[in-house]
Structures are given as structure tokens and as C-alpha cells.
Amino acid sequence: MATLTYVYAESTAVLGPLATQHEPHSYDLCTDHAQRLTVPRGWDVVRHEGELPPPPSQDELTALAEAVREAGRAVQAEPAPITSGTRHLRVLRGKED
């Protein structure tokens, strides 16, 4: 996995290790896409020297998916408060079996 960041003012694309924070004009890429990256004509590419970290294992992806599901269930269980004097619409999803 790698993070691609565009520096439009300098017509440069920077490809480096996976970022830990979201930055404007940055996109996370899988290893295959990071290795095949091409940029517009006239642009420069700055690539991180060395190996990119390996992709996450299936166990790591499964654990992440479960954490996201649990967080989603917690959000659904807590309905948003209704403010008096205004009307709000909200979507309530049915329970999964």
C-alpha cells in the first residue's frame, strides 16, 4: 500500500508509504497500482526509495471490517436528538438477522 499525493503547483506526484493522516489531494493505492502509476505528460514523479510496506493480511482486513461493523451498530443504536422548532429527517435501518 502507498499514498499518492499531488502537488499541483509543481506538477509533481509524490508516491510514498501509507499516510497516517488524510491530506488534501492524497489517495491511498494498493501495491499493484502504486507500481504501475503514470502521471500526465510534463509532470514529475517522486517515488519513495525502498520497498513499500506489504499489503495487510486477510486477518487484519477481517478485524478491520468487524470493527467498522461494530462502530456502525453503535451509531445506529443512538438516534440523533430532535431539536425543537426545526424538522429533521433521519433514516432508521432494520435490524440484520
PDB file of N, CA and C in Angstrom:
ATOM      1  N   MET A   1       0.842  -1.167   0.000  1.00  0.00           N
ATOM      2  CA  MET A   1       0.000   0.000   0.000  1.00  0.00           C
ATOM      3  C   MET A   1       0.893   1.238   0.000  1.00  0.00           C
ATOM      4  N   ALA A   2       0.405   2.298  -0.611  1.00  0.00           N
ATOM      5  CA  ALA A   2       1.162   3.545  -0.683  1.00  0.00           C
ATOM      6  C   ALA A   2       0.184   4.709  -0.755  1.00  0.00           C
ATOM      7  N   THR A   3       0.683   5.894  -0.459  1.00  0.00           N
ATOM      8  CA  THR A   3      -0.136   7.097  -0.576  1.00  0.00           C
ATOM      9  C   THR A   3       0.434   7.950  -1.701  1.00  0.00           C
ATOM     10  N   LEU A   4      -0.459   8.352  -2.596  1.00  0.00           N
ATOM     11  CA  LEU A   4      -0.116   9.235  -3.706  1.00  0.00           C
ATOM     12  C   LEU A   4      -0.609  10.627  -3.356  1.00  0.00           C
ATOM     13  N   THR A   5       0.283  11.604  -3.436  1.00  0.00           N
ATOM     14  CA  THR A   5      -0.077  12.990  -3.160  1.00  0.00           C
ATOM     15  C   THR A   5       0.282  13.835  -4.368  1.00  0.00           C
ATOM     16  N   TYR A   6      -0.653  14.651  -4.815  1.00  0.00           N
ATOM     17  CA  TYR A   6      -0.413  15.560  -5.933  1.00  0.00           C
ATOM     18  C   TYR A   6      -0.016  16.931  -5.414  1.00  0.00           C
ATOM     19  N   VAL A   7       1.012  17.507  -6.009  1.00  0.00           N
ATOM     20  CA  VAL A   7       1.409  18.888  -5.723  1.00  0.00           C
ATOM     21  C   VAL A   7       1.172  19.636  -7.038  1.00  0.00           C
ATOM     22  N   TYR A   8      -0.047  20.145  -7.197  1.00  0.00           N
ATOM     23  CA  TYR A   8      -0.449  20.750  -8.463  1.00  0.00           C
ATOM     24  C   TYR A   8       0.423  21.931  -8.848  1.00  0.00           C
ATOM     25  N   ALA A   9       0.795  22.767  -7.884  1.00  0.00           N
ATOM     26  CA  ALA A   9       1.583  23.968  -8.192  1.00  0.00           C
ATOM     27  C   ALA A   9       2.936  23.617  -8.808  1.00  0.00           C
ATOM     28  N   GLU A  10       3.444  22.411  -8.503  1.00  0.00           N
ATOM     29  CA  GLU A  10       4.743  21.996  -9.012  1.00  0.00           C
ATOM     30  C   GLU A  10       4.644  20.889 -10.056  1.00  0.00           C
ATOM     31  N   SER A  11       3.422  20.554 -10.476  1.00  0.00           N
ATOM     32  CA  SER A  11       3.201  19.473 -11.444  1.00  0.00           C
ATOM     33  C   SER A  11       3.966  18.219 -11.037  1.00  0.00           C
ATOM     34  N   THR A  12       3.773  17.811  -9.786  1.00  0.00           N
ATOM     35  CA  THR A  12       4.513  16.681  -9.230  1.00  0.00           C
ATOM     36  C   THR A  12       3.568  15.743  -8.499  1.00  0.00           C
ATOM     37  N   ALA A  13       3.825  14.455  -8.651  1.00  0.00           N
ATOM     38  CA  ALA A  13       3.117  13.430  -7.887  1.00  0.00           C
ATOM     39  C   ALA A  13       4.138  12.761  -6.979  1.00  0.00           C
ATOM     40  N   VAL A  14       3.803  12.625  -5.704  1.00  0.00           N
ATOM     41  CA  VAL A  14       4.706  12.017  -4.730  1.00  0.00           C
ATOM     42  C   VAL A  14       4.077  10.705  -4.273  1.00  0.00           C
ATOM     43  N   LEU A  15       4.845   9.617  -4.394  1.00  0.00           N
ATOM     44  CA  LEU A  15       4.370   8.296  -4.008  1.00  0.00           C
ATOM     45  C   LEU A  15       5.239   7.787  -2.871  1.00  0.00           C
ATOM     46  N   GLY A  16       4.636   7.559  -1.713  1.00  0.00           N
ATOM     47  CA  GLY A  16       5.401   7.145  -0.547  1.00  0.00           C
ATOM     48  C   GLY A  16       4.639   6.179   0.318  1.00  0.00           C
ATOM     49  N   PRO A  17       5.156   5.905   1.509  1.00  0.00           N
ATOM     50  CA  PRO A  17       4.499   4.979   2.433  1.00  0.00           C
ATOM     51  C   PRO A  17       3.082   5.454   2.766  1.00  0.00           C
ATOM     52  N   LEU A  18       2.267   4.519   3.169  1.00  0.00           N
ATOM     53  CA  LEU A  18       0.880   4.806   3.518  1.00  0.00           C
ATOM     54  C   LEU A  18       0.821   5.890   4.587  1.00  0.00           C
ATOM     55  N   ALA A  19       0.057   6.934   4.309  1.00  0.00           N
ATOM     56  CA  ALA A  19      -0.059   8.064   5.231  1.00  0.00           C
ATOM     57  C   ALA A  19      -0.888   7.679   6.449  1.00  0.00           C
ATOM     58  N   THR A  20      -0.571   8.298   7.576  1.00  0.00           N
ATOM     59  CA  THR A  20      -1.332   8.048   8.797  1.00  0.00           C
ATOM     60  C   THR A  20      -2.441   9.069   8.996  1.00  0.00           C
ATOM     61  N   GLN A  21      -2.419  10.164   8.219  1.00  0.00           N
ATOM     62  CA  GLN A  21      -3.451  11.201   8.293  1.00  0.00           C
ATOM     63  C   GLN A  21      -3.915  11.538   6.888  1.00  0.00           C
ATOM     64  N   HIS A  22      -5.160  11.991   6.781  1.00  0.00           N
ATOM     65  CA  HIS A  22      -5.688  12.414   5.486  1.00  0.00           C
ATOM     66  C   HIS A  22      -5.140  13.791   5.133  1.00  0.00           C
ATOM     67  N   GLU A  23      -4.681  13.913   3.930  1.00  0.00           N
ATOM     68  CA  GLU A  23      -4.194  15.193   3.421  1.00  0.00           C
ATOM     69  C   GLU A  23      -4.959  15.515   2.145  1.00  0.00           C
ATOM     70  N   PRO A  24      -5.179  16.805   1.854  1.00  0.00           N
ATOM     71  CA  PRO A  24      -5.840  17.161   0.596  1.00  0.00           C
ATOM     72  C   PRO A  24      -5.009  16.667  -0.593  1.00  0.00           C
ATOM     73  N   HIS A  25      -5.659  16.269  -1.634  1.00  0.00           N
ATOM     74  CA  HIS A  25      -5.024  15.811  -2.869  1.00  0.00           C
ATOM     75  C   HIS A  25      -4.179  14.563  -2.651  1.00  0.00           C
ATOM     76  N   SER A  26      -4.558  13.706  -1.691  1.00  0.00           N
ATOM     77  CA  SER A  26      -3.816  12.461  -1.485  1.00  0.00           C
ATOM     78  C   SER A  26      -4.777  11.283  -1.577  1.00  0.00           C
ATOM     79  N   TYR A  27      -4.244  10.175  -2.079  1.00  0.00           N
ATOM     80  CA  TYR A  27      -5.057   8.993  -2.320  1.00  0.00           C
ATOM     81  C   TYR A  27      -4.244   7.758  -1.955  1.00  0.00           C
ATOM     82  N   ASP A  28      -4.866   6.803  -1.285  1.00  0.00           N
ATOM     83  CA  ASP A  28      -4.199   5.558  -0.947  1.00  0.00           C
ATOM     84  C   ASP A  28      -4.341   4.585  -2.105  1.00  0.00           C
ATOM     85  N   LEU A  29      -3.245   3.929  -2.440  1.00  0.00           N
ATOM     86  CA  LEU A  29      -3.220   2.985  -3.552  1.00  0.00           C
ATOM     87  C   LEU A  29      -2.751   1.620  -3.073  1.00  0.00           C
ATOM     88  N   CYS A  30      -3.263   0.562  -3.705  1.00  0.00           N
ATOM     89  CA  CYS A  30      -2.738  -0.767  -3.431  1.00  0.00           C
ATOM     90  C   CYS A  30      -1.351  -0.861  -4.081  1.00  0.00           C
ATOM     91  N   THR A  31      -0.600  -1.878  -3.719  1.00  0.00           N
ATOM     92  CA  THR A  31       0.767  -2.025  -4.205  1.00  0.00           C
ATOM     93  C   THR A  31       0.807  -2.130  -5.726  1.00  0.00           C
ATOM     94  N   ASP A  32      -0.114  -2.901  -6.321  1.00  0.00           N
ATOM     95  CA  ASP A  32      -0.123  -3.055  -7.790  1.00  0.00           C
ATOM     96  C   ASP A  32      -0.301  -1.710  -8.487  1.00  0.00           C
ATOM     97  N   HIS A  33      -1.258  -0.907  -8.036  1.00  0.00           N
ATOM     98  CA  HIS A  33      -1.492   0.383  -8.673  1.00  0.00           C
ATOM     99  C   HIS A  33      -0.350   1.361  -8.400  1.00  0.00           C
ATOM    100  N   ALA A  34       0.238   1.284  -7.226  1.00  0.00           N
ATOM    101  CA  ALA A  34       1.370   2.164  -6.914  1.00  0.00           C
ATOM    102  C   ALA A  34       2.549   1.872  -7.835  1.00  0.00           C
ATOM    103  N   GLN A  35       2.787   0.601  -8.146  1.00  0.00           N
ATOM    104  CA  GLN A  35       3.905   0.247  -9.014  1.00  0.00           C
ATOM    105  C   GLN A  35       3.652   0.615 -10.471  1.00  0.00           C
ATOM    106  N   ARG A  36       2.389   0.647 -10.894  1.00  0.00           N
ATOM    107  CA  ARG A  36       2.063   0.956 -12.295  1.00  0.00           C
ATOM    108  C   ARG A  36       1.682   2.415 -12.515  1.00  0.00           C
ATOM    109  N   LEU A  37       1.890   3.260 -11.529  1.00  0.00           N
ATOM    110  CA  LEU A  37       1.480   4.654 -11.598  1.00  0.00           C
ATOM    111  C   LEU A  37       2.100   5.388 -12.787  1.00  0.00           C
ATOM    112  N   THR A  38       1.277   6.100 -13.511  1.00  0.00           N
ATOM    113  CA  THR A  38       1.750   7.032 -14.543  1.00  0.00           C
ATOM    114  C   THR A  38       1.129   8.390 -14.248  1.00  0.00           C
ATOM    115  N   VAL A  39       1.784   9.453 -14.704  1.00  0.00           N
ATOM    116  CA  VAL A  39       1.294  10.811 -14.454  1.00  0.00           C
ATOM    117  C   VAL A  39       1.123  11.535 -15.779  1.00  0.00           C
ATOM    118  N   PRO A  40       0.424  12.660 -15.775  1.00  0.00           N
ATOM    119  CA  PRO A  40       0.248  13.413 -17.021  1.00  0.00           C
ATOM    120  C   PRO A  40       1.593  13.847 -17.624  1.00  0.00           C
ATOM    121  N   ARG A  41       1.602  14.006 -18.930  1.00  0.00           N
ATOM    122  CA  ARG A  41       2.798  14.468 -19.641  1.00  0.00           C
ATOM    123  C   ARG A  41       3.257  15.799 -19.059  1.00  0.00           C
ATOM    124  N   GLY A  42       4.553  15.921 -18.785  1.00  0.00           N
ATOM    125  CA  GLY A  42       5.107  17.142 -18.226  1.00  0.00           C
ATOM    126  C   GLY A  42       5.187  17.139 -16.711  1.00  0.00           C
ATOM    127  N   TRP A  43       4.596  16.146 -16.076  1.00  0.00           N
ATOM    128  CA  TRP A  43       4.646  16.036 -14.615  1.00  0.00           C
ATOM    129  C   TRP A  43       5.852  15.199 -14.195  1.00  0.00           C
ATOM    130  N   ASP A  44       6.301  15.396 -12.967  1.00  0.00           N
ATOM    131  CA  ASP A  44       7.366  14.599 -12.375  1.00  0.00           C
ATOM    132  C   ASP A  44       6.767  13.666 -11.329  1.00  0.00           C
ATOM    133  N   VAL A  45       7.437  12.537 -11.119  1.00  0.00           N
ATOM    134  CA  VAL A  45       7.039  11.603 -10.072  1.00  0.00           C
ATOM    135  C   VAL A  45       8.201  11.477  -9.095  1.00  0.00           C
ATOM    136  N   VAL A  46       7.911  11.661  -7.816  1.00  0.00           N
ATOM    137  CA  VAL A  46       8.895  11.437  -6.762  1.00  0.00           C
ATOM    138  C   VAL A  46       8.454  10.174  -6.052  1.00  0.00           C
ATOM    139  N   ARG A  47       9.282   9.121  -6.130  1.00  0.00           N
ATOM    140  CA  ARG A  47       8.951   7.833  -5.504  1.00  0.00           C
ATOM    141  C   ARG A  47       9.806   7.612  -4.276  1.00  0.00           C
ATOM    142  N   HIS A  48       9.189   7.103  -3.243  1.00  0.00           N
ATOM    143  CA  HIS A  48       9.891   6.751  -2.007  1.00  0.00           C
ATOM    144  C   HIS A  48      10.913   5.673  -2.331  1.00  0.00           C
ATOM    145  N   GLU A  49      12.148   5.869  -1.917  1.00  0.00           N
ATOM    146  CA  GLU A  49      13.193   4.873  -2.117  1.00  0.00           C
ATOM    147  C   GLU A  49      12.942   3.693  -1.187  1.00  0.00           C
ATOM    148  N   GLY A  50      13.123   2.503  -1.669  1.00  0.00           N
ATOM    149  CA  GLY A  50      12.964   1.315  -0.838  1.00  0.00           C
ATOM    150  C   GLY A  50      11.641   0.630  -1.093  1.00  0.00           C
ATOM    151  N   GLU A  51      11.445  -0.420  -0.356  1.00  0.00           N
ATOM    152  CA  GLU A  51      10.239  -1.234  -0.502  1.00  0.00           C
ATOM    153  C   GLU A  51       9.038  -0.565   0.150  1.00  0.00           C
ATOM    154  N   LEU A  52       7.904  -0.678  -0.506  1.00  0.00           N
ATOM    155  CA  LEU A  52       6.655  -0.245   0.116  1.00  0.00           C
ATOM    156  C   LEU A  52       6.228  -1.336   1.086  1.00  0.00           C
ATOM    157  N   PRO A  53       5.531  -0.974   2.151  1.00  0.00           N
ATOM    158  CA  PRO A  53       5.114  -1.996   3.115  1.00  0.00           C
ATOM    159  C   PRO A  53       4.193  -3.014   2.451  1.00  0.00           C
ATOM    160  N   PRO A  54       4.195  -4.262   2.940  1.00  0.00           N
ATOM    161  CA  PRO A  54       3.327  -5.283   2.351  1.00  0.00           C
ATOM    162  C   PRO A  54       1.863  -4.962   2.617  1.00  0.00           C
ATOM    163  N   PRO A  55       0.970  -5.464   1.759  1.00  0.00           N
ATOM    164  CA  PRO A  55      -0.458  -5.229   1.998  1.00  0.00           C
ATOM    165  C   PRO A  55      -0.890  -5.918   3.288  1.00  0.00           C
ATOM    166  N   PRO A  56      -1.983  -5.456   3.899  1.00  0.00           N
ATOM    167  CA  PRO A  56      -2.450  -6.082   5.134  1.00  0.00           C
ATOM    168  C   PRO A  56      -2.876  -7.527   4.881  1.00  0.00           C
ATOM    169  N   SER A  57      -2.744  -8.367   5.907  1.00  0.00           N
ATOM    170  CA  SER A  57      -3.139  -9.769   5.793  1.00  0.00           C
ATOM    171  C   SER A  57      -4.661  -9.880   5.809  1.00  0.00           C
ATOM    172  N   GLN A  58      -5.157 -11.052   5.418  1.00  0.00           N
ATOM    173  CA  GLN A  58      -6.603 -11.292   5.429  1.00  0.00           C
ATOM    174  C   GLN A  58      -7.155 -11.157   6.844  1.00  0.00           C
ATOM    175  N   ASP A  59      -6.391 -11.603   7.844  1.00  0.00           N
ATOM    176  CA  ASP A  59      -6.836 -11.481   9.239  1.00  0.00           C
ATOM    177  C   ASP A  59      -6.965 -10.020   9.648  1.00  0.00           C
ATOM    178  N   GLU A  60      -6.008  -9.182   9.228  1.00  0.00           N
ATOM    179  CA  GLU A  60      -6.067  -7.754   9.556  1.00  0.00           C
ATOM    180  C   GLU A  60      -7.273  -7.093   8.889  1.00  0.00           C
ATOM    181  N   LEU A  61      -7.542  -7.459   7.632  1.00  0.00           N
ATOM    182  CA  LEU A  61      -8.689  -6.889   6.925  1.00  0.00           C
ATOM    183  C   LEU A  61     -10.009  -7.329   7.566  1.00  0.00           C
ATOM    184  N   THR A  62     -10.072  -8.596   7.973  1.00  0.00           N
ATOM    185  CA  THR A  62     -11.284  -9.093   8.632  1.00  0.00           C
ATOM    186  C   THR A  62     -11.512  -8.371   9.954  1.00  0.00           C
ATOM    187  N   ALA A  63     -10.448  -8.192  10.737  1.00  0.00           N
ATOM    188  CA  ALA A  63     -10.574  -7.480  12.020  1.00  0.00           C
ATOM    189  C   ALA A  63     -11.015  -6.042  11.799  1.00  0.00           C
ATOM    190  N   LEU A  64     -10.482  -5.387  10.778  1.00  0.00           N
ATOM    191  CA  LEU A  64     -10.881  -4.019  10.467  1.00  0.00           C
ATOM    192  C   LEU A  64     -12.353  -3.960  10.057  1.00  0.00           C
ATOM    193  N   ALA A  65     -12.780  -4.896   9.219  1.00  0.00           N
ATOM    194  CA  ALA A  65     -14.187  -4.927   8.790  1.00  0.00           C
ATOM    195  C   ALA A  65     -15.116  -5.128   9.980  1.00  0.00           C
ATOM    196  N   GLU A  66     -14.748  -6.008  10.906  1.00  0.00           N
ATOM    197  CA  GLU A  66     -15.563  -6.236  12.098  1.00  0.00           C
ATOM    198  C   GLU A  66     -15.637  -4.982  12.969  1.00  0.00           C
ATOM    199  N   ALA A  67     -14.519  -4.270  13.113  1.00  0.00           N
ATOM    200  CA  ALA A  67     -14.512  -3.036  13.910  1.00  0.00           C
ATOM    201  C   ALA A  67     -15.417  -1.985  13.281  1.00  0.00           C
ATOM    202  N   VAL A  68     -15.406  -1.892  11.957  1.00  0.00           N
ATOM    203  CA  VAL A  68     -16.272  -0.929  11.268  1.00  0.00           C
ATOM    204  C   VAL A  68     -17.733  -1.311  11.451  1.00  0.00           C
ATOM    205  N   ARG A  69     -18.052  -2.603  11.349  1.00  0.00           N
ATOM    206  CA  ARG A  69     -19.437  -3.054  11.563  1.00  0.00           C
ATOM    207  C   ARG A  69     -19.916  -2.725  12.974  1.00  0.00           C
ATOM    208  N   GLU A  70     -19.066  -2.999  13.969  1.00  0.00           N
ATOM    209  CA  GLU A  70     -19.430  -2.714  15.358  1.00  0.00           C
ATOM    210  C   GLU A  70     -19.655  -1.218  15.573  1.00  0.00           C
ATOM    211  N   ALA A  71     -18.795  -0.390  14.994  1.00  0.00           N
ATOM    212  CA  ALA A  71     -18.962   1.059  15.119  1.00  0.00           C
ATOM    213  C   ALA A  71     -20.269   1.498  14.461  1.00  0.00           C
ATOM    214  N   GLY A  72     -20.624   0.891  13.341  1.00  0.00           N
ATOM    215  CA  GLY A  72     -21.878   1.214  12.667  1.00  0.00           C
ATOM    216  C   GLY A  72     -23.083   0.829  13.491  1.00  0.00           C
ATOM    217  N   ARG A  73     -23.003  -0.310  14.165  1.00  0.00           N
ATOM    218  CA  ARG A  73     -24.113  -0.732  15.031  1.00  0.00           C
ATOM    219  C   ARG A  73     -24.289   0.229  16.197  1.00  0.00           C
ATOM    220  N   ALA A  74     -23.202   0.700  16.752  1.00  0.00           N
ATOM    221  CA  ALA A  74     -23.278   1.634  17.882  1.00  0.00           C
ATOM    222  C   ALA A  74     -23.911   2.951  17.446  1.00  0.00           C
ATOM    223  N   VAL A  75     -23.588   3.414  16.258  1.00  0.00           N
ATOM    224  CA  VAL A  75     -24.155   4.673  15.751  1.00  0.00           C
ATOM    225  C   VAL A  75     -25.645   4.506  15.500  1.00  0.00           C
ATOM    226  N   GLN A  76     -26.060   3.369  14.947  1.00  0.00           N
ATOM    227  CA  GLN A  76     -27.478   3.134  14.676  1.00  0.00           C
ATOM    228  C   GLN A  76     -28.283   3.040  15.964  1.00  0.00           C
ATOM    229  N   ALA A  77     -27.686   2.557  17.037  1.00  0.00           N
ATOM    230  CA  ALA A  77     -28.401   2.381  18.291  1.00  0.00           C
ATOM    231  C   ALA A  77     -28.663   3.707  19.002  1.00  0.00           C
ATOM    232  N   GLU A  78     -27.937   4.756  18.632  1.00  0.00           N
ATOM    233  CA  GLU A  78     -28.090   6.050  19.280  1.00  0.00           C
ATOM    234  C   GLU A  78     -28.735   7.038  18.299  1.00  0.00           C
ATOM    235  N   PRO A  79     -30.067   7.192  18.343  1.00  0.00           N
ATOM    236  CA  PRO A  79     -30.709   8.118  17.410  1.00  0.00           C
ATOM    237  C   PRO A  79     -30.313   9.565  17.703  1.00  0.00           C
ATOM    238  N   ALA A  80     -30.285  10.354  16.662  1.00  0.00           N
ATOM    239  CA  ALA A  80     -29.922  11.767  16.805  1.00  0.00           C
ATOM    240  C   ALA A  80     -31.034  12.519  17.533  1.00  0.00           C
ATOM    241  N   PRO A  81     -30.675  13.461  18.384  1.00  0.00           N
ATOM    242  CA  PRO A  81     -31.700  14.233  19.096  1.00  0.00           C
ATOM    243  C   PRO A  81     -32.474  15.136  18.133  1.00  0.00           C
ATOM    244  N   ILE A  82     -33.733  15.353  18.448  1.00  0.00           N
ATOM    245  CA  ILE A  82     -34.560  16.247  17.634  1.00  0.00           C
ATOM    246  C   ILE A  82     -34.588  17.606  18.314  1.00  0.00           C
ATOM    247  N   THR A  83     -34.221  18.619  17.580  1.00  0.00           N
ATOM    248  CA  THR A  83     -34.198  19.978  18.111  1.00  0.00           C
ATOM    249  C   THR A  83     -35.578  20.597  17.929  1.00  0.00           C
ATOM    250  N   SER A  84     -36.109  21.197  18.974  1.00  0.00           N
ATOM    251  CA  SER A  84     -37.434  21.801  18.867  1.00  0.00           C
ATOM    252  C   SER A  84     -37.385  22.989  17.919  1.00  0.00           C
ATOM    253  N   GLY A  85     -38.466  23.175  17.180  1.00  0.00           N
ATOM    254  CA  GLY A  85     -38.556  24.311  16.263  1.00  0.00           C
ATOM    255  C   GLY A  85     -38.007  24.014  14.874  1.00  0.00           C
ATOM    256  N   THR A  86     -37.342  22.887  14.691  1.00  0.00           N
ATOM    257  CA  THR A  86     -36.856  22.510  13.365  1.00  0.00           C
ATOM    258  C   THR A  86     -37.295  21.099  13.061  1.00  0.00           C
ATOM    259  N   ARG A  87     -37.320  20.766  11.799  1.00  0.00           N
ATOM    260  CA  ARG A  87     -37.705  19.424  11.388  1.00  0.00           C
ATOM    261  C   ARG A  87     -36.491  18.738  10.784  1.00  0.00           C
ATOM    262  N   HIS A  88     -36.245  17.541  11.239  1.00  0.00           N
ATOM    263  CA  HIS A  88     -35.141  16.744  10.734  1.00  0.00           C
ATOM    264  C   HIS A  88     -35.672  15.403  10.268  1.00  0.00           C
ATOM    265  N   LEU A  89     -35.139  14.911   9.190  1.00  0.00           N
ATOM    266  CA  LEU A  89     -35.454  13.578   8.721  1.00  0.00           C
ATOM    267  C   LEU A  89     -34.253  12.689   9.005  1.00  0.00           C
ATOM    268  N   ARG A  90     -34.495  11.471   9.346  1.00  0.00           N
ATOM    269  CA  ARG A  90     -33.404  10.542   9.546  1.00  0.00           C
ATOM    270  C   ARG A  90     -33.832   9.168   9.058  1.00  0.00           C
ATOM    271  N   VAL A  91     -32.869   8.363   8.661  1.00  0.00           N
ATOM    272  CA  VAL A  91     -33.124   7.022   8.156  1.00  0.00           C
ATOM    273  C   VAL A  91     -32.845   6.037   9.273  1.00  0.00           C
ATOM    274  N   LEU A  92     -33.819   5.191   9.539  1.00  0.00           N
ATOM    275  CA  LEU A  92     -33.634   4.131  10.520  1.00  0.00           C
ATOM    276  C   LEU A  92     -33.587   2.822   9.748  1.00  0.00           C
ATOM    277  N   ARG A  93     -32.523   2.090   9.935  1.00  0.00           N
ATOM    278  CA  ARG A  93     -32.361   0.828   9.210  1.00  0.00           C
ATOM    279  C   ARG A  93     -32.911  -0.316  10.050  1.00  0.00           C
ATOM    280  N   GLY A  94     -33.437  -1.321   9.363  1.00  0.00           N
ATOM    281  CA  GLY A  94     -33.933  -2.506  10.056  1.00  0.00           C
ATOM    282  C   GLY A  94     -32.782  -3.315  10.616  1.00  0.00           C
ATOM    283  N   LYS A  95     -33.077  -4.152  11.590  1.00  0.00           N
ATOM    284  CA  LYS A  95     -32.045  -4.991  12.185  1.00  0.00           C
ATOM    285  C   LYS A  95     -31.701  -6.126  11.229  1.00  0.00           C
ATOM    286  N   GLU A  96     -30.404  -6.468  11.204  1.00  0.00           N
ATOM    287  CA  GLU A  96     -29.952  -7.585  10.395  1.00  0.00           C
ATOM    288  C   GLU A  96     -30.156  -8.874  11.180  1.00  0.00           C
ATOM    289  N   ASP A  97     -30.560  -9.914  10.479  1.00  0.00           N
ATOM    290  CA  ASP A  97     -30.749 -11.217  11.148  1.00  0.00           C
ATOM    291  C   ASP A  97     -29.513 -12.050  11.049  1.00  0.00           C
TER     292      ASP A  97
END
